[in-house]
Amino acid sequence: MSSAQSRLNQVTSHLSASEADLPPNKGKILAKSPDDVVVTCALRTPLTKGGKGGFKDTAAADLLVGAFKALLDRSKIDPNLVEDISVGSVLAPGGGATEFRAAALAAGFPVSVGVKSLNRQCSSGLQACVEIANAIKSGMIDIGIGAGVESMSSQYGPGAVTEFSELLESHKEAANCKVPMGVLSEAMAKEKKISRSSQDAFAASSYQKAIAAQKAGLFDEEIAPLEVQWTDPKTDETKTIKVSRDDGVREVTAESLGKIRPAFAKDGSIHAGNASQISDGAAAVLLMRRSTAEKLGQKILGKYVSASVVGVPPLLMGIGPWKAIPVALEKAGITTDDVDIYEVNEAFASQCLFCVNELNIPIEKVNPKGGAIAFGHPLGCTGARQVSTLLFELRRKKQQIGVTSMCVGTGMGMAAVWVAE
């Protein structure tokens, strides 16, 4: 038995009774209180292919300006009432703190609005939303924005990983934090016997759901089109284009995916077609106390209920949602069966399948409009993006309870429970 397999067995054996059999309390989280933290506007830019898509020449901060302007326009909120903005981003130099503050000012927020950046890898956008929600709960602020952004076109690559010191390299678990995620997911797929055919079928389904949703206009409510400068790689001509849809969505079948070469091992199962796309995009979520929303006449899309963040062994980072989701559900007082939709980030088909299978989630409840395999995973953006995707889909289906979750590089998982109105 490999060391990674042994660790996985140790972790999976620790699923507690409370995680496996949560007490029903659905009615409580559906009840409305003046102190609820509610979402009154949630949107995202289109997600475009890194290095060649519609946003390949657009800086992350400029994408954020577009998302902020759209949020102000759609919500009609007075920007002077917004007290704090939290932005998740993974690759931006310096965490993006300087340019994100500048982006808020350029979008029309007054100098009185605070701005910060944060980085919890792939859960950065969700962490930003949760931190704003917690600030509202604590009474620190009444109105804030949780956002996420990433330009993987300009900032993704070897330079995004810092060299470890001898001190870190000499500690086994610490050194595991820098093992590439594709390599980790490949090992997990082999050890848990997640076949390539099942991964390709899952990935093909993601594409097929996304293209059906795109054709039916199901993303239109959540997407804020942007006009940007774009340089044609064939002619070197720079022109203004309007980007209004995710450009990574395409017609795909399990059979066509089966022809793609493995990326991380000659006999491997993970490849570009069953892993998340490298993408650019931004998302923003306006949060406030329910009493404040009602006073201002803000239309309520849904409310934030609970969140969790958990650590797992770095070599098993992909199991993060499997560990984080039960904790978030326990905090909300509900069971897996009470949830109508799960937005689980598709970092890799292998890890998403593992988590869904281990939690016994019906596959029809998972990513009903497709996921990151089909339309992309701009690292810092995804956690905030999932909020709009989830809330609009819950409302469309006249359902109420949803979960957003993702695995997190270096060995973590994060999840949050939301209720649509």
Foldseek 3Di string as FASTA:
>chain_A
DDPVLVQVVVVVVPCDPCLQDFFADLVVVVDDDLQFKFFQDKAKAAKEFAQDTPCLPPDFLRLVLLQLLVRCVVFVDDLAQAAEEEEEAQFDVVQCAPSNLVSCVSSPHDPRHYYGYDYQWQQRQQVQVVVVSVCQNVVVGFKHKRKYWFRCNPGPDPVSDDDDDPVQCVDVLSVLLPDDPLVLLQVLCVSVVVDLLNLLQQLQVLLVLQVVCVVVCVNQRRHDKDWDWDQDPVPRDIDIDIRTHQPQRDNDHSVNVVPFQADPDRPTRFDLLQAFGAITMMMMIMIGRNNVCVVVVRHTFWGWQFKFKFFGRLSNLLLACLVGVSVQCNSNRRALVLAQAEEEARRGSSSVVVSCVVSVHPPCRYNSNHHRSRRGRRRGGVNSSVVSVVSSVCVVVVHFKYKYKYGTRSGMIMMTIMTGD
